[in-house]
Amino acid sequence: MTTVKAAPVFTVTTPSVSVTLASNRMGEVPFTVTNVSNRALRARAKITPAPGSPPDWFSVVGDSEQDFALGAARQFVVRVDPPLGVPAGTYAFRVDAIGIEHPDDDYSEGPSCQVTVPGSKPPKLTTPRGYLTTLVGALVGGIVLELIVVILGLTHNSHHDCTGLGFLACLVKVIIAEAAFWFGLIVLGFGLMLVGATLGSVIALRIRRFRGHKLTGLFLAIVMPLWSLLMLLTVFQLLHNAIVVAAISPILLLAVPALLARGGVLLIRTHHL
């Protein structure tokens, strides 16, 4: 008995089945899916990486599901985004079209696409590496959240009710309460500055599409407390003006750790600063 092969319901094509990524090791590959059946369909573009090609390198830009009228063609763009530090080589994947209502029957495989990841070359002096973006993001994020502490400090009511207490007892109560408040405010301020700087650097690097944004944020969260402790034991010991300390703290405590964190990521992942 002869098995009759079902007619395809989709065709999947791409302008090129061999793509070399740019020097920033990122790229996009367009695929066209055409409904060649005799009915309207809703279909999904599914990325199928070849063995040895990590699935998280590939993603469909925008909506991976679309409606197909009879004979309609839709374009799907696959973003190829290997992480920093991956070795140069050739990796492959394909895009398959799958019908939503009957995925087992309405299924068509696309052509295999070869993606060449170039070797990591030493960056030129003019090549953006994310230092400035990390610095700006950390400063903006840290200072914005630090404003919460400033507002709490400015609106703090130092009046204490000493009804029924003697002068000495009232004085002790006031000193303890004020010390606890300002110590807590300092701890809160540092915590908010750390969180704001970490999130700010990650968001800024992601917006500018720099690689290693998550790892940079992690490094910043680790480096910043150590750097702050060093500054507390050295530079801040030489400054006896609270206004000067408050003014330079955000810059001194954020700028250097941000640059160190970004440089560490680039050095570990690419072996270049």
C-alpha atoms as a PDB file:
ATOM      1  CA  MET A   1       0.000   0.000   0.000  1.00  0.00           C
ATOM      2  CA  THR A   2       1.413   3.319  -1.059  1.00  0.00           C
ATOM      3  CA  THR A   3       1.326   6.200   1.431  1.00  0.00           C
ATOM      4  CA  VAL A   4       0.358   9.497  -0.157  1.00  0.00           C
ATOM      5  CA  LYS A   5       2.363  12.372   1.242  1.00  0.00           C
ATOM      6  CA  ALA A   6       0.203  15.300   2.287  1.00  0.00           C
ATOM      7  CA  ALA A   7       0.638  18.471   0.301  1.00  0.00           C
ATOM      8  CA  PRO A   8       2.572  21.190   2.184  1.00  0.00           C
ATOM      9  CA  VAL A   9       0.538  23.966   3.738  1.00  0.00           C
ATOM     10  CA  PHE A  10       3.440  26.418   4.070  1.00  0.00           C
ATOM     11  CA  THR A  11       6.656  27.279   2.317  1.00  0.00           C
ATOM     12  CA  VAL A  12       9.515  28.822   4.272  1.00  0.00           C
ATOM     13  CA  THR A  13      12.231  30.734   2.434  1.00  0.00           C
ATOM     14  CA  THR A  14      15.123  33.037   3.314  1.00  0.00           C
ATOM     15  CA  PRO A  15      17.260  35.279   1.085  1.00  0.00           C
ATOM     16  CA  SER A  16      20.447  33.546   2.220  1.00  0.00           C
ATOM     17  CA  VAL A  17      21.151  30.249   3.951  1.00  0.00           C
ATOM     18  CA  SER A  18      24.616  31.443   5.009  1.00  0.00           C
ATOM     19  CA  VAL A  19      25.047  34.538   7.158  1.00  0.00           C
ATOM     20  CA  THR A  20      28.163  36.033   8.743  1.00  0.00           C
ATOM     21  CA  LEU A  21      27.520  38.217  11.765  1.00  0.00           C
ATOM     22  CA  ALA A  22      28.919  41.737  11.905  1.00  0.00           C
ATOM     23  CA  SER A  23      31.870  42.658  14.086  1.00  0.00           C
ATOM     24  CA  ASN A  24      29.548  43.275  17.047  1.00  0.00           C
ATOM     25  CA  ARG A  25      28.521  39.592  16.723  1.00  0.00           C
ATOM     26  CA  MET A  26      24.842  40.344  16.354  1.00  0.00           C
ATOM     27  CA  GLY A  27      22.584  39.926  13.369  1.00  0.00           C
ATOM     28  CA  GLU A  28      19.075  39.436  12.026  1.00  0.00           C
ATOM     29  CA  VAL A  29      17.925  36.925   9.419  1.00  0.00           C
ATOM     30  CA  PRO A  30      14.571  37.356   7.600  1.00  0.00           C
ATOM     31  CA  PHE A  31      12.349  34.390   6.723  1.00  0.00           C
ATOM     32  CA  THR A  32       9.209  34.447   4.581  1.00  0.00           C
ATOM     33  CA  VAL A  33       6.383  32.044   5.369  1.00  0.00           C
ATOM     34  CA  THR A  34       3.723  31.610   2.662  1.00  0.00           C
ATOM     35  CA  ASN A  35       0.344  29.902   3.024  1.00  0.00           C
ATOM     36  CA  VAL A  36       0.113  27.529   0.047  1.00  0.00           C
ATOM     37  CA  SER A  37      -2.897  25.597   1.330  1.00  0.00           C
ATOM     38  CA  ASN A  38      -6.482  26.064   0.213  1.00  0.00           C
ATOM     39  CA  ARG A  39      -7.677  27.690   3.432  1.00  0.00           C
ATOM     40  CA  ALA A  40      -6.921  30.547   5.814  1.00  0.00           C
ATOM     41  CA  LEU A  41      -4.647  29.635   8.712  1.00  0.00           C
ATOM     42  CA  ARG A  42      -3.050  31.021  11.828  1.00  0.00           C
ATOM     43  CA  ALA A  43       0.522  29.874  12.211  1.00  0.00           C
ATOM     44  CA  ARG A  44       3.516  30.235  14.456  1.00  0.00           C
ATOM     45  CA  ALA A  45       7.175  30.526  13.468  1.00  0.00           C
ATOM     46  CA  LYS A  46       9.260  28.100  15.515  1.00  0.00           C
ATOM     47  CA  ILE A  47      13.050  28.294  15.670  1.00  0.00           C
ATOM     48  CA  THR A  48      14.774  24.901  15.681  1.00  0.00           C
ATOM     49  CA  PRO A  49      18.515  25.159  16.451  1.00  0.00           C
ATOM     50  CA  ALA A  50      20.861  22.494  15.110  1.00  0.00           C
ATOM     51  CA  PRO A  51      22.843  20.368  17.595  1.00  0.00           C
ATOM     52  CA  GLY A  52      25.547  22.505  19.163  1.00  0.00           C
ATOM     53  CA  SER A  53      23.653  25.757  18.635  1.00  0.00           C
ATOM     54  CA  PRO A  54      22.282  27.116  21.941  1.00  0.00           C
ATOM     55  CA  PRO A  55      18.534  27.888  21.653  1.00  0.00           C
ATOM     56  CA  ASP A  56      18.820  31.116  23.667  1.00  0.00           C
ATOM     57  CA  TRP A  57      20.941  32.668  20.904  1.00  0.00           C
ATOM     58  CA  PHE A  58      17.933  32.865  18.595  1.00  0.00           C
ATOM     59  CA  SER A  59      14.651  34.734  18.980  1.00  0.00           C
ATOM     60  CA  VAL A  60      11.847  35.936  16.731  1.00  0.00           C
ATOM     61  CA  VAL A  61      11.568  39.720  16.625  1.00  0.00           C
ATOM     62  CA  GLY A  62       8.012  40.738  17.426  1.00  0.00           C
ATOM     63  CA  ASP A  63       5.002  38.423  17.316  1.00  0.00           C
ATOM     64  CA  SER A  64       5.839  34.857  16.349  1.00  0.00           C
ATOM     65  CA  GLU A  65       2.152  34.102  15.534  1.00  0.00           C
ATOM     66  CA  GLN A  66       0.320  35.626  12.585  1.00  0.00           C
ATOM     67  CA  ASP A  67      -2.833  35.100  10.548  1.00  0.00           C
ATOM     68  CA  PHE A  68      -2.471  33.886   6.970  1.00  0.00           C
ATOM     69  CA  ALA A  69      -5.157  34.457   4.406  1.00  0.00           C
ATOM     70  CA  LEU A  70      -5.249  32.151   1.390  1.00  0.00           C
ATOM     71  CA  GLY A  71      -1.936  32.634  -0.433  1.00  0.00           C
ATOM     72  CA  ALA A  72      -0.691  35.241   2.062  1.00  0.00           C
ATOM     73  CA  ALA A  73       3.006  35.633   2.859  1.00  0.00           C
ATOM     74  CA  ARG A  74       4.353  36.937   6.165  1.00  0.00           C
ATOM     75  CA  GLN A  75       7.900  37.817   7.139  1.00  0.00           C
ATOM     76  CA  PHE A  76       9.511  36.752  10.397  1.00  0.00           C
ATOM     77  CA  VAL A  77      12.879  38.107  11.493  1.00  0.00           C
ATOM     78  CA  VAL A  78      15.171  35.969  13.626  1.00  0.00           C
ATOM     79  CA  ARG A  79      17.605  37.828  15.838  1.00  0.00           C
ATOM     80  CA  VAL A  80      20.924  36.053  16.407  1.00  0.00           C
ATOM     81  CA  ASP A  81      22.537  37.248  19.623  1.00  0.00           C
ATOM     82  CA  PRO A  82      25.329  35.008  20.975  1.00  0.00           C
ATOM     83  CA  PRO A  83      26.731  36.141  24.346  1.00  0.00           C
ATOM     84  CA  LEU A  84      30.103  37.746  24.883  1.00  0.00           C
ATOM     85  CA  GLY A  85      33.079  35.444  24.783  1.00  0.00           C
ATOM     86  CA  VAL A  86      31.627  32.587  22.713  1.00  0.00           C
ATOM     87  CA  PRO A  87      34.207  31.022  20.401  1.00  0.00           C
ATOM     88  CA  ALA A  88      34.171  31.804  16.713  1.00  0.00           C
ATOM     89  CA  GLY A  89      32.509  29.171  14.602  1.00  0.00           C
ATOM     90  CA  THR A  90      29.555  28.225  12.445  1.00  0.00           C
ATOM     91  CA  TYR A  91      26.191  27.474  13.990  1.00  0.00           C
ATOM     92  CA  ALA A  92      22.934  26.460  12.314  1.00  0.00           C
ATOM     93  CA  PHE A  93      19.203  26.756  12.820  1.00  0.00           C
ATOM     94  CA  ARG A  94      16.005  26.662  10.812  1.00  0.00           C
ATOM     95  CA  VAL A  95      12.552  28.236  11.056  1.00  0.00           C
ATOM     96  CA  ASP A  96       9.519  25.960  10.884  1.00  0.00           C
ATOM     97  CA  ALA A  97       5.923  27.062  10.281  1.00  0.00           C
ATOM     98  CA  ILE A  98       3.333  25.394  12.499  1.00  0.00           C
ATOM     99  CA  GLY A  99      -0.441  25.746  12.203  1.00  0.00           C
ATOM    100  CA  ILE A 100      -2.096  26.651  15.484  1.00  0.00           C
ATOM    101  CA  GLU A 101      -5.285  24.600  15.085  1.00  0.00           C
ATOM    102  CA  HIS A 102      -3.688  21.410  13.724  1.00  0.00           C
ATOM    103  CA  PRO A 103       0.038  21.543  14.583  1.00  0.00           C
ATOM    104  CA  ASP A 104       0.655  17.866  13.754  1.00  0.00           C
ATOM    105  CA  ASP A 105      -0.753  18.158  10.228  1.00  0.00           C
ATOM    106  CA  ASP A 106      -0.095  21.815   9.322  1.00  0.00           C
ATOM    107  CA  TYR A 107       3.665  21.740   9.712  1.00  0.00           C
ATOM    108  CA  SER A 108       6.445  22.715   7.318  1.00  0.00           C
ATOM    109  CA  GLU A 109      10.189  22.789   7.924  1.00  0.00           C
ATOM    110  CA  GLY A 110      12.283  25.666   6.655  1.00  0.00           C
ATOM    111  CA  PRO A 111      15.776  25.546   5.151  1.00  0.00           C
ATOM    112  CA  SER A 112      18.807  25.251   7.418  1.00  0.00           C
ATOM    113  CA  CYS A 113      20.607  28.570   7.858  1.00  0.00           C
ATOM    114  CA  GLN A 114      24.326  28.651   8.695  1.00  0.00           C
ATOM    115  CA  VAL A 115      25.443  31.498  10.953  1.00  0.00           C
ATOM    116  CA  THR A 116      29.144  32.304  11.203  1.00  0.00           C
ATOM    117  CA  VAL A 117      30.260  33.980  14.419  1.00  0.00           C
ATOM    118  CA  PRO A 118      33.482  35.909  13.708  1.00  0.00           C
ATOM    119  CA  GLY A 119      36.461  35.927  16.012  1.00  0.00           C
ATOM    120  CA  SER A 120      36.718  38.603  18.682  1.00  0.00           C
ATOM    121  CA  LYS A 121      39.185  41.241  17.510  1.00  0.00           C
ATOM    122  CA  PRO A 122      40.865  43.854  19.704  1.00  0.00           C
ATOM    123  CA  PRO A 123      38.543  46.882  19.667  1.00  0.00           C
ATOM    124  CA  LYS A 124      39.694  50.169  18.203  1.00  0.00           C
ATOM    125  CA  LEU A 125      40.025  53.182  20.470  1.00  0.00           C
ATOM    126  CA  THR A 126      36.906  54.632  18.881  1.00  0.00           C
ATOM    127  CA  THR A 127      34.850  51.437  19.298  1.00  0.00           C
ATOM    128  CA  PRO A 128      32.079  51.922  21.900  1.00  0.00           C
ATOM    129  CA  ARG A 129      32.452  49.324  24.637  1.00  0.00           C
ATOM    130  CA  GLY A 130      29.789  50.479  27.047  1.00  0.00           C
ATOM    131  CA  TYR A 131      31.905  52.314  29.620  1.00  0.00           C
ATOM    132  CA  LEU A 132      30.109  55.632  29.236  1.00  0.00           C
ATOM    133  CA  THR A 133      26.710  53.953  29.078  1.00  0.00           C
ATOM    134  CA  THR A 134      27.432  51.988  32.249  1.00  0.00           C
ATOM    135  CA  LEU A 135      28.664  55.117  34.017  1.00  0.00           C
ATOM    136  CA  VAL A 136      25.665  57.249  33.032  1.00  0.00           C
ATOM    137  CA  GLY A 137      23.190  54.482  33.869  1.00  0.00           C
ATOM    138  CA  ALA A 138      24.753  53.857  37.276  1.00  0.00           C
ATOM    139  CA  LEU A 139      24.876  57.562  38.154  1.00  0.00           C
ATOM    140  CA  VAL A 140      21.312  58.255  37.050  1.00  0.00           C
ATOM    141  CA  GLY A 141      19.894  55.151  38.739  1.00  0.00           C
ATOM    142  CA  GLY A 142      21.831  55.671  41.958  1.00  0.00           C
ATOM    143  CA  ILE A 143      21.102  59.387  42.250  1.00  0.00           C
ATOM    144  CA  VAL A 144      17.393  58.995  41.430  1.00  0.00           C
ATOM    145  CA  LEU A 145      16.840  56.481  44.231  1.00  0.00           C
ATOM    146  CA  GLU A 146      19.110  58.492  46.511  1.00  0.00           C
ATOM    147  CA  LEU A 147      16.639  61.374  46.230  1.00  0.00           C
ATOM    148  CA  ILE A 148      14.275  59.301  48.351  1.00  0.00           C
ATOM    149  CA  VAL A 149      16.771  59.493  51.202  1.00  0.00           C
ATOM    150  CA  VAL A 150      17.273  63.231  50.679  1.00  0.00           C
ATOM    151  CA  ILE A 151      13.522  63.817  50.873  1.00  0.00           C
ATOM    152  CA  LEU A 152      13.257  61.730  54.049  1.00  0.00           C
ATOM    153  CA  GLY A 153      16.110  63.679  55.608  1.00  0.00           C
ATOM    154  CA  LEU A 154      14.663  67.077  54.690  1.00  0.00           C
ATOM    155  CA  THR A 155      11.194  66.209  55.926  1.00  0.00           C
ATOM    156  CA  HIS A 156      12.387  64.589  59.138  1.00  0.00           C
ATOM    157  CA  ASN A 157      10.748  66.029  62.225  1.00  0.00           C
ATOM    158  CA  SER A 158      13.294  66.228  65.010  1.00  0.00           C
ATOM    159  CA  HIS A 159      10.761  67.285  67.629  1.00  0.00           C
ATOM    160  CA  HIS A 160      10.449  64.794  70.478  1.00  0.00           C
ATOM    161  CA  ASP A 161       7.882  64.670  73.242  1.00  0.00           C
ATOM    162  CA  CYS A 162       9.638  64.732  76.581  1.00  0.00           C
ATOM    163  CA  THR A 163       6.479  65.007  78.676  1.00  0.00           C
ATOM    164  CA  GLY A 164       6.998  63.477  82.056  1.00  0.00           C
ATOM    165  CA  LEU A 165      10.749  63.056  81.602  1.00  0.00           C
ATOM    166  CA  GLY A 166      13.563  64.908  83.259  1.00  0.00           C
ATOM    167  CA  PHE A 167      16.054  66.910  81.246  1.00  0.00           C
ATOM    168  CA  LEU A 168      18.727  64.218  81.261  1.00  0.00           C
ATOM    169  CA  ALA A 169      16.337  61.410  80.399  1.00  0.00           C
ATOM    170  CA  CYS A 170      14.860  63.490  77.600  1.00  0.00           C
ATOM    171  CA  LEU A 171      18.302  64.309  76.245  1.00  0.00           C
ATOM    172  CA  VAL A 172      19.274  60.619  76.174  1.00  0.00           C
ATOM    173  CA  LYS A 173      16.011  59.739  74.440  1.00  0.00           C
ATOM    174  CA  VAL A 174      16.533  62.420  71.799  1.00  0.00           C
ATOM    175  CA  ILE A 175      20.137  61.392  71.134  1.00  0.00           C
ATOM    176  CA  ILE A 176      19.249  57.707  70.764  1.00  0.00           C
ATOM    177  CA  ALA A 177      16.261  58.411  68.517  1.00  0.00           C
ATOM    178  CA  GLU A 178      18.164  60.798  66.261  1.00  0.00           C
ATOM    179  CA  ALA A 179      21.179  58.494  66.020  1.00  0.00           C
ATOM    180  CA  ALA A 180      18.966  55.555  65.102  1.00  0.00           C
ATOM    181  CA  PHE A 181      17.132  57.603  62.481  1.00  0.00           C
ATOM    182  CA  TRP A 182      20.233  58.959  60.769  1.00  0.00           C
ATOM    183  CA  PHE A 183      22.062  55.641  60.920  1.00  0.00           C
ATOM    184  CA  GLY A 184      19.064  53.902  59.386  1.00  0.00           C
ATOM    185  CA  LEU A 185      18.849  56.625  56.761  1.00  0.00           C
ATOM    186  CA  ILE A 186      22.499  56.130  55.838  1.00  0.00           C
ATOM    187  CA  VAL A 187      22.025  52.356  55.502  1.00  0.00           C
ATOM    188  CA  LEU A 188      18.867  52.865  53.461  1.00  0.00           C
ATOM    189  CA  GLY A 189      20.629  55.418  51.285  1.00  0.00           C
ATOM    190  CA  PHE A 190      23.490  53.092  50.481  1.00  0.00           C
ATOM    191  CA  GLY A 191      21.095  50.235  49.747  1.00  0.00           C
ATOM    192  CA  LEU A 192      18.980  52.352  47.425  1.00  0.00           C
ATOM    193  CA  MET A 193      22.067  53.737  45.721  1.00  0.00           C
ATOM    194  CA  LEU A 194      23.363  50.192  45.150  1.00  0.00           C
ATOM    195  CA  VAL A 195      20.051  48.972  43.751  1.00  0.00           C
ATOM    196  CA  GLY A 196      19.587  52.085  41.611  1.00  0.00           C
ATOM    197  CA  ALA A 197      23.107  51.926  40.192  1.00  0.00           C
ATOM    198  CA  THR A 198      22.802  48.227  39.373  1.00  0.00           C
ATOM    199  CA  LEU A 199      19.418  48.558  37.683  1.00  0.00           C
ATOM    200  CA  GLY A 200      20.422  51.778  35.943  1.00  0.00           C
ATOM    201  CA  SER A 201      23.539  50.262  34.387  1.00  0.00           C
ATOM    202  CA  VAL A 202      21.685  47.142  33.252  1.00  0.00           C
ATOM    203  CA  ILE A 203      18.827  49.122  31.710  1.00  0.00           C
ATOM    204  CA  ALA A 204      21.152  51.601  29.998  1.00  0.00           C
ATOM    205  CA  LEU A 205      23.325  48.867  28.493  1.00  0.00           C
ATOM    206  CA  ARG A 206      20.257  46.954  27.346  1.00  0.00           C
ATOM    207  CA  ILE A 207      18.720  50.034  25.725  1.00  0.00           C
ATOM    208  CA  ARG A 208      21.969  50.727  23.857  1.00  0.00           C
ATOM    209  CA  ARG A 209      22.177  47.009  22.968  1.00  0.00           C
ATOM    210  CA  PHE A 210      25.570  46.443  24.546  1.00  0.00           C
ATOM    211  CA  ARG A 211      26.520  42.889  25.376  1.00  0.00           C
ATOM    212  CA  GLY A 212      26.876  41.548  28.904  1.00  0.00           C
ATOM    213  CA  HIS A 213      24.429  43.932  30.586  1.00  0.00           C
ATOM    214  CA  LYS A 214      23.314  41.439  33.234  1.00  0.00           C
ATOM    215  CA  LEU A 215      26.854  40.398  34.136  1.00  0.00           C
ATOM    216  CA  THR A 216      27.925  44.046  34.330  1.00  0.00           C
ATOM    217  CA  GLY A 217      25.119  44.720  36.804  1.00  0.00           C
ATOM    218  CA  LEU A 218      26.147  41.697  38.874  1.00  0.00           C
ATOM    219  CA  PHE A 219      29.783  42.816  38.943  1.00  0.00           C
ATOM    220  CA  LEU A 220      28.719  46.323  39.958  1.00  0.00           C
ATOM    221  CA  ALA A 221      26.649  44.944  42.838  1.00  0.00           C
ATOM    222  CA  ILE A 222      29.726  43.057  44.052  1.00  0.00           C
ATOM    223  CA  VAL A 223      32.356  45.765  43.501  1.00  0.00           C
ATOM    224  CA  MET A 224      30.390  48.708  44.884  1.00  0.00           C
ATOM    225  CA  PRO A 225      30.191  47.589  48.561  1.00  0.00           C
ATOM    226  CA  LEU A 226      33.902  46.722  48.593  1.00  0.00           C
ATOM    227  CA  TRP A 227      34.838  50.048  47.005  1.00  0.00           C
ATOM    228  CA  SER A 228      32.566  51.950  49.387  1.00  0.00           C
ATOM    229  CA  LEU A 229      34.204  50.283  52.392  1.00  0.00           C
ATOM    230  CA  LEU A 230      37.623  51.254  51.048  1.00  0.00           C
ATOM    231  CA  MET A 231      36.495  54.872  50.571  1.00  0.00           C
ATOM    232  CA  LEU A 232      35.002  54.917  54.064  1.00  0.00           C
ATOM    233  CA  LEU A 233      38.327  53.848  55.559  1.00  0.00           C
ATOM    234  CA  THR A 234      40.462  56.221  53.472  1.00  0.00           C
ATOM    235  CA  VAL A 235      39.066  59.257  51.645  1.00  0.00           C
ATOM    236  CA  PHE A 236      36.088  59.918  53.908  1.00  0.00           C
ATOM    237  CA  GLN A 237      38.374  59.864  56.937  1.00  0.00           C
ATOM    238  CA  LEU A 238      40.130  62.918  55.540  1.00  0.00           C
ATOM    239  CA  LEU A 239      36.910  64.848  54.947  1.00  0.00           C
ATOM    240  CA  HIS A 240      35.263  66.414  57.963  1.00  0.00           C
ATOM    241  CA  ASN A 241      32.639  68.436  56.125  1.00  0.00           C
ATOM    242  CA  ALA A 242      29.326  66.572  55.947  1.00  0.00           C
ATOM    243  CA  ILE A 243      28.106  68.711  53.041  1.00  0.00           C
ATOM    244  CA  VAL A 244      31.198  67.905  50.952  1.00  0.00           C
ATOM    245  CA  VAL A 245      30.880  64.187  51.757  1.00  0.00           C
ATOM    246  CA  ALA A 246      27.206  64.190  50.776  1.00  0.00           C
ATOM    247  CA  ALA A 247      27.970  66.038  47.529  1.00  0.00           C
ATOM    248  CA  ILE A 248      30.758  63.814  46.288  1.00  0.00           C
ATOM    249  CA  SER A 249      29.496  60.470  47.611  1.00  0.00           C
ATOM    250  CA  PRO A 250      27.236  59.573  44.657  1.00  0.00           C
ATOM    251  CA  ILE A 251      29.988  60.271  42.131  1.00  0.00           C
ATOM    252  CA  LEU A 252      32.860  58.803  44.132  1.00  0.00           C
ATOM    253  CA  LEU A 253      30.941  55.688  45.164  1.00  0.00           C
ATOM    254  CA  LEU A 254      29.322  55.058  41.774  1.00  0.00           C
ATOM    255  CA  ALA A 255      31.695  56.148  39.014  1.00  0.00           C
ATOM    256  CA  VAL A 256      34.717  53.987  39.811  1.00  0.00           C
ATOM    257  CA  PRO A 257      32.764  50.759  40.567  1.00  0.00           C
ATOM    258  CA  ALA A 258      30.758  51.211  37.350  1.00  0.00           C
ATOM    259  CA  LEU A 259      33.911  51.466  35.244  1.00  0.00           C
ATOM    260  CA  LEU A 260      35.575  48.579  37.083  1.00  0.00           C
ATOM    261  CA  ALA A 261      32.510  46.380  36.633  1.00  0.00           C
ATOM    262  CA  ARG A 262      32.257  47.037  32.904  1.00  0.00           C
ATOM    263  CA  GLY A 263      36.004  46.592  32.400  1.00  0.00           C
ATOM    264  CA  GLY A 264      35.940  43.314  34.312  1.00  0.00           C
ATOM    265  CA  VAL A 265      33.163  41.918  32.136  1.00  0.00           C
ATOM    266  CA  LEU A 266      34.926  42.888  28.916  1.00  0.00           C
ATOM    267  CA  LEU A 267      38.255  41.519  30.112  1.00  0.00           C
ATOM    268  CA  ILE A 268      36.814  38.165  31.192  1.00  0.00           C
ATOM    269  CA  ARG A 269      34.525  37.665  28.201  1.00  0.00           C
ATOM    270  CA  THR A 270      36.578  39.168  25.363  1.00  0.00           C
ATOM    271  CA  HIS A 271      40.115  39.406  26.847  1.00  0.00           C
ATOM    272  CA  HIS A 272      40.133  43.067  25.827  1.00  0.00           C
ATOM    273  CA  LEU A 273      39.367  46.205  27.786  1.00  0.00           C
END
